[in-house]
Amino acid sequence: MKQYVERMIREKEDLEGKIKKAEKALENRPFDMTDIGADLLKEQVKAMEQYLFVLCQRIKYESGGMA
């Protein structure tokens, strides 16, 4: 496997972990998290999920999975 694909796979795994942590923080909001802070974190999660989608598509393409 090409090295840059391996790096993308590691990045994907790291990103998935960050998304899970952020979602957990939204489910169990710390006492000091404001509504604005929660709204911003929700937007950040959406952006990370979109990035994850594109990253997965790139991995699939570079691995020969799509034309």
N, C-alpha and C. Protein backbone atom coordinates (compact mmCIF):
# COMPACT_ATOMS: atom_id res chain seq x y z
N MET A 1 0.85 -1.18 0.00
CA MET A 1 0.00 0.00 0.00
C MET A 1 0.89 1.24 0.00
N LYS A 2 0.45 2.25 -0.74
CA LYS A 2 1.22 3.49 -0.84
C LYS A 2 1.27 4.19 0.51
N GLN A 3 2.41 4.81 0.79
CA GLN A 3 2.61 5.45 2.09
C GLN A 3 1.58 6.54 2.37
N TYR A 4 1.22 7.33 1.36
CA TYR A 4 0.27 8.41 1.61
C TYR A 4 -1.12 7.87 1.90
N VAL A 5 -1.45 6.69 1.36
CA VAL A 5 -2.74 6.07 1.68
C VAL A 5 -2.72 5.59 3.13
N GLU A 6 -1.60 5.04 3.55
CA GLU A 6 -1.46 4.61 4.95
C GLU A 6 -1.60 5.81 5.89
N ARG A 7 -1.03 6.95 5.50
CA ARG A 7 -1.15 8.17 6.32
C ARG A 7 -2.60 8.63 6.37
N MET A 8 -3.30 8.54 5.25
CA MET A 8 -4.71 8.93 5.23
C MET A 8 -5.54 8.01 6.12
N ILE A 9 -5.20 6.73 6.14
CA ILE A 9 -5.92 5.77 6.99
C ILE A 9 -5.70 6.11 8.45
N ARG A 10 -4.47 6.43 8.82
CA ARG A 10 -4.19 6.84 10.21
C ARG A 10 -4.93 8.13 10.55
N GLU A 11 -4.96 9.06 9.61
CA GLU A 11 -5.66 10.32 9.83
C GLU A 11 -7.16 10.06 10.01
N LYS A 12 -7.72 9.15 9.22
CA LYS A 12 -9.13 8.77 9.31
C LYS A 12 -9.44 8.20 10.69
N GLU A 13 -8.60 7.31 11.16
CA GLU A 13 -8.80 6.71 12.48
C GLU A 13 -8.73 7.76 13.58
N ASP A 14 -7.77 8.67 13.47
CA ASP A 14 -7.63 9.75 14.44
C ASP A 14 -8.87 10.65 14.43
N LEU A 15 -9.33 10.98 13.25
CA LEU A 15 -10.49 11.84 13.10
C LEU A 15 -11.74 11.18 13.67
N GLU A 16 -11.90 9.88 13.43
CA GLU A 16 -13.04 9.15 13.99
C GLU A 16 -13.04 9.23 15.51
N GLY A 17 -11.86 9.12 16.11
CA GLY A 17 -11.74 9.23 17.56
C GLY A 17 -12.11 10.62 18.06
N LYS A 18 -11.68 11.64 17.34
CA LYS A 18 -12.01 13.01 17.73
C LYS A 18 -13.50 13.28 17.63
N ILE A 19 -14.13 12.73 16.59
CA ILE A 19 -15.57 12.90 16.44
C ILE A 19 -16.31 12.24 17.59
N LYS A 20 -15.89 11.03 17.94
CA LYS A 20 -16.54 10.33 19.06
C LYS A 20 -16.39 11.10 20.36
N LYS A 21 -15.21 11.64 20.62
CA LYS A 21 -14.99 12.41 21.84
C LYS A 21 -15.85 13.66 21.88
N ALA A 22 -15.95 14.33 20.74
CA ALA A 22 -16.76 15.55 20.68
C ALA A 22 -18.24 15.22 20.89
N GLU A 23 -18.70 14.14 20.27
CA GLU A 23 -20.10 13.75 20.45
C GLU A 23 -20.38 13.36 21.89
N LYS A 24 -19.42 12.71 22.54
CA LYS A 24 -19.59 12.34 23.94
C LYS A 24 -19.67 13.60 24.81
N ALA A 25 -18.86 14.59 24.47
CA ALA A 25 -18.89 15.85 25.22
C ALA A 25 -20.25 16.54 25.05
N LEU A 26 -20.84 16.42 23.88
CA LEU A 26 -22.16 17.02 23.66
C LEU A 26 -23.25 16.26 24.42
N GLU A 27 -23.10 14.96 24.52
CA GLU A 27 -24.09 14.15 25.26
C GLU A 27 -24.01 14.41 26.76
N ASN A 28 -22.80 14.55 27.27
CA ASN A 28 -22.57 14.75 28.71
C ASN A 28 -21.88 16.08 28.91
N ARG A 29 -22.57 17.14 28.56
CA ARG A 29 -21.97 18.47 28.60
C ARG A 29 -21.37 18.80 29.96
N PRO A 30 -20.11 19.22 29.93
CA PRO A 30 -19.51 19.68 31.18
C PRO A 30 -20.28 20.91 31.69
N PHE A 31 -20.25 21.11 32.98
CA PHE A 31 -20.99 22.21 33.59
C PHE A 31 -20.59 23.57 33.03
N ASP A 32 -19.34 23.70 32.60
CA ASP A 32 -18.88 24.99 32.11
C ASP A 32 -19.09 25.20 30.61
N MET A 33 -19.73 24.24 29.93
CA MET A 33 -19.99 24.40 28.50
C MET A 33 -21.28 25.22 28.31
N THR A 34 -21.14 26.34 27.66
CA THR A 34 -22.30 27.20 27.42
C THR A 34 -23.09 26.69 26.22
N ASP A 35 -24.28 27.24 26.03
CA ASP A 35 -25.08 26.87 24.86
C ASP A 35 -24.36 27.25 23.57
N ILE A 36 -23.72 28.41 23.58
CA ILE A 36 -22.98 28.84 22.40
C ILE A 36 -21.81 27.88 22.13
N GLY A 37 -21.13 27.50 23.19
CA GLY A 37 -20.03 26.54 23.05
C GLY A 37 -20.51 25.21 22.49
N ALA A 38 -21.66 24.74 22.95
CA ALA A 38 -22.23 23.49 22.46
C ALA A 38 -22.62 23.62 20.99
N ASP A 39 -23.22 24.76 20.62
CA ASP A 39 -23.59 24.97 19.22
C ASP A 39 -22.37 24.98 18.31
N LEU A 40 -21.32 25.63 18.78
CA LEU A 40 -20.08 25.66 17.99
C LEU A 40 -19.47 24.27 17.86
N LEU A 41 -19.51 23.50 18.93
CA LEU A 41 -18.98 22.14 18.87
C LEU A 41 -19.80 21.27 17.91
N LYS A 42 -21.11 21.46 17.89
CA LYS A 42 -21.96 20.74 16.93
C LYS A 42 -21.55 21.06 15.50
N GLU A 43 -21.30 22.33 15.24
CA GLU A 43 -20.87 22.74 13.90
C GLU A 43 -19.52 22.13 13.55
N GLN A 44 -18.64 22.07 14.54
CA GLN A 44 -17.32 21.48 14.33
C GLN A 44 -17.47 20.00 14.00
N VAL A 45 -18.35 19.29 14.70
CA VAL A 45 -18.57 17.87 14.44
C VAL A 45 -19.08 17.68 13.01
N LYS A 46 -20.01 18.53 12.59
CA LYS A 46 -20.52 18.43 11.21
C LYS A 46 -19.39 18.59 10.20
N ALA A 47 -18.52 19.56 10.44
CA ALA A 47 -17.40 19.80 9.52
C ALA A 47 -16.44 18.60 9.53
N MET A 48 -16.18 18.05 10.70
CA MET A 48 -15.29 16.89 10.78
C MET A 48 -15.91 15.69 10.08
N GLU A 49 -17.23 15.51 10.19
CA GLU A 49 -17.90 14.41 9.52
C GLU A 49 -17.83 14.57 8.00
N GLN A 50 -17.96 15.78 7.51
CA GLN A 50 -17.84 16.02 6.07
C GLN A 50 -16.41 15.72 5.62
N TYR A 51 -15.44 16.18 6.40
CA TYR A 51 -14.04 15.91 6.09
C TYR A 51 -13.77 14.41 6.10
N LEU A 52 -14.34 13.70 7.08
CA LEU A 52 -14.17 12.26 7.15
C LEU A 52 -14.75 11.58 5.91
N PHE A 53 -15.91 12.04 5.46
CA PHE A 53 -16.53 11.47 4.27
C PHE A 53 -15.60 11.61 3.06
N VAL A 54 -15.07 12.81 2.86
CA VAL A 54 -14.18 13.05 1.72
C VAL A 54 -12.90 12.23 1.87
N LEU A 55 -12.36 12.16 3.05
CA LEU A 55 -11.15 11.38 3.30
C LEU A 55 -11.39 9.91 2.98
N CYS A 56 -12.53 9.38 3.38
CA CYS A 56 -12.86 7.98 3.06
C CYS A 56 -12.98 7.77 1.56
N GLN A 57 -13.55 8.74 0.86
CA GLN A 57 -13.66 8.64 -0.60
C GLN A 57 -12.27 8.63 -1.24
N ARG A 58 -11.39 9.47 -0.73
CA ARG A 58 -10.02 9.50 -1.26
C ARG A 58 -9.31 8.18 -1.02
N ILE A 59 -9.46 7.64 0.17
CA ILE A 59 -8.82 6.36 0.48
C ILE A 59 -9.35 5.28 -0.46
N LYS A 60 -10.64 5.26 -0.63
CA LYS A 60 -11.26 4.27 -1.52
C LYS A 60 -10.74 4.44 -2.95
N TYR A 61 -10.69 5.67 -3.43
CA TYR A 61 -10.20 5.93 -4.78
C TYR A 61 -8.74 5.52 -4.94
N GLU A 62 -7.90 5.94 -4.01
CA GLU A 62 -6.45 5.65 -4.10
C GLU A 62 -6.16 4.17 -3.90
N SER A 63 -7.11 3.44 -3.32
CA SER A 63 -6.93 2.00 -3.13
C SER A 63 -7.51 1.21 -4.30
N GLY A 64 -8.00 1.93 -5.31
CA GLY A 64 -8.53 1.27 -6.50
C GLY A 64 -9.98 0.88 -6.39
N GLY A 65 -10.69 1.45 -5.44
CA GLY A 65 -12.08 1.07 -5.20
C GLY A 65 -13.10 1.84 -6.01
N MET A 66 -12.70 2.91 -6.70
CA MET A 66 -13.65 3.65 -7.51
C MET A 66 -12.96 4.22 -8.73
N ALA A 67 -13.72 4.43 -9.77
CA ALA A 67 -13.12 4.94 -11.02
C ALA A 67 -13.37 6.42 -11.16
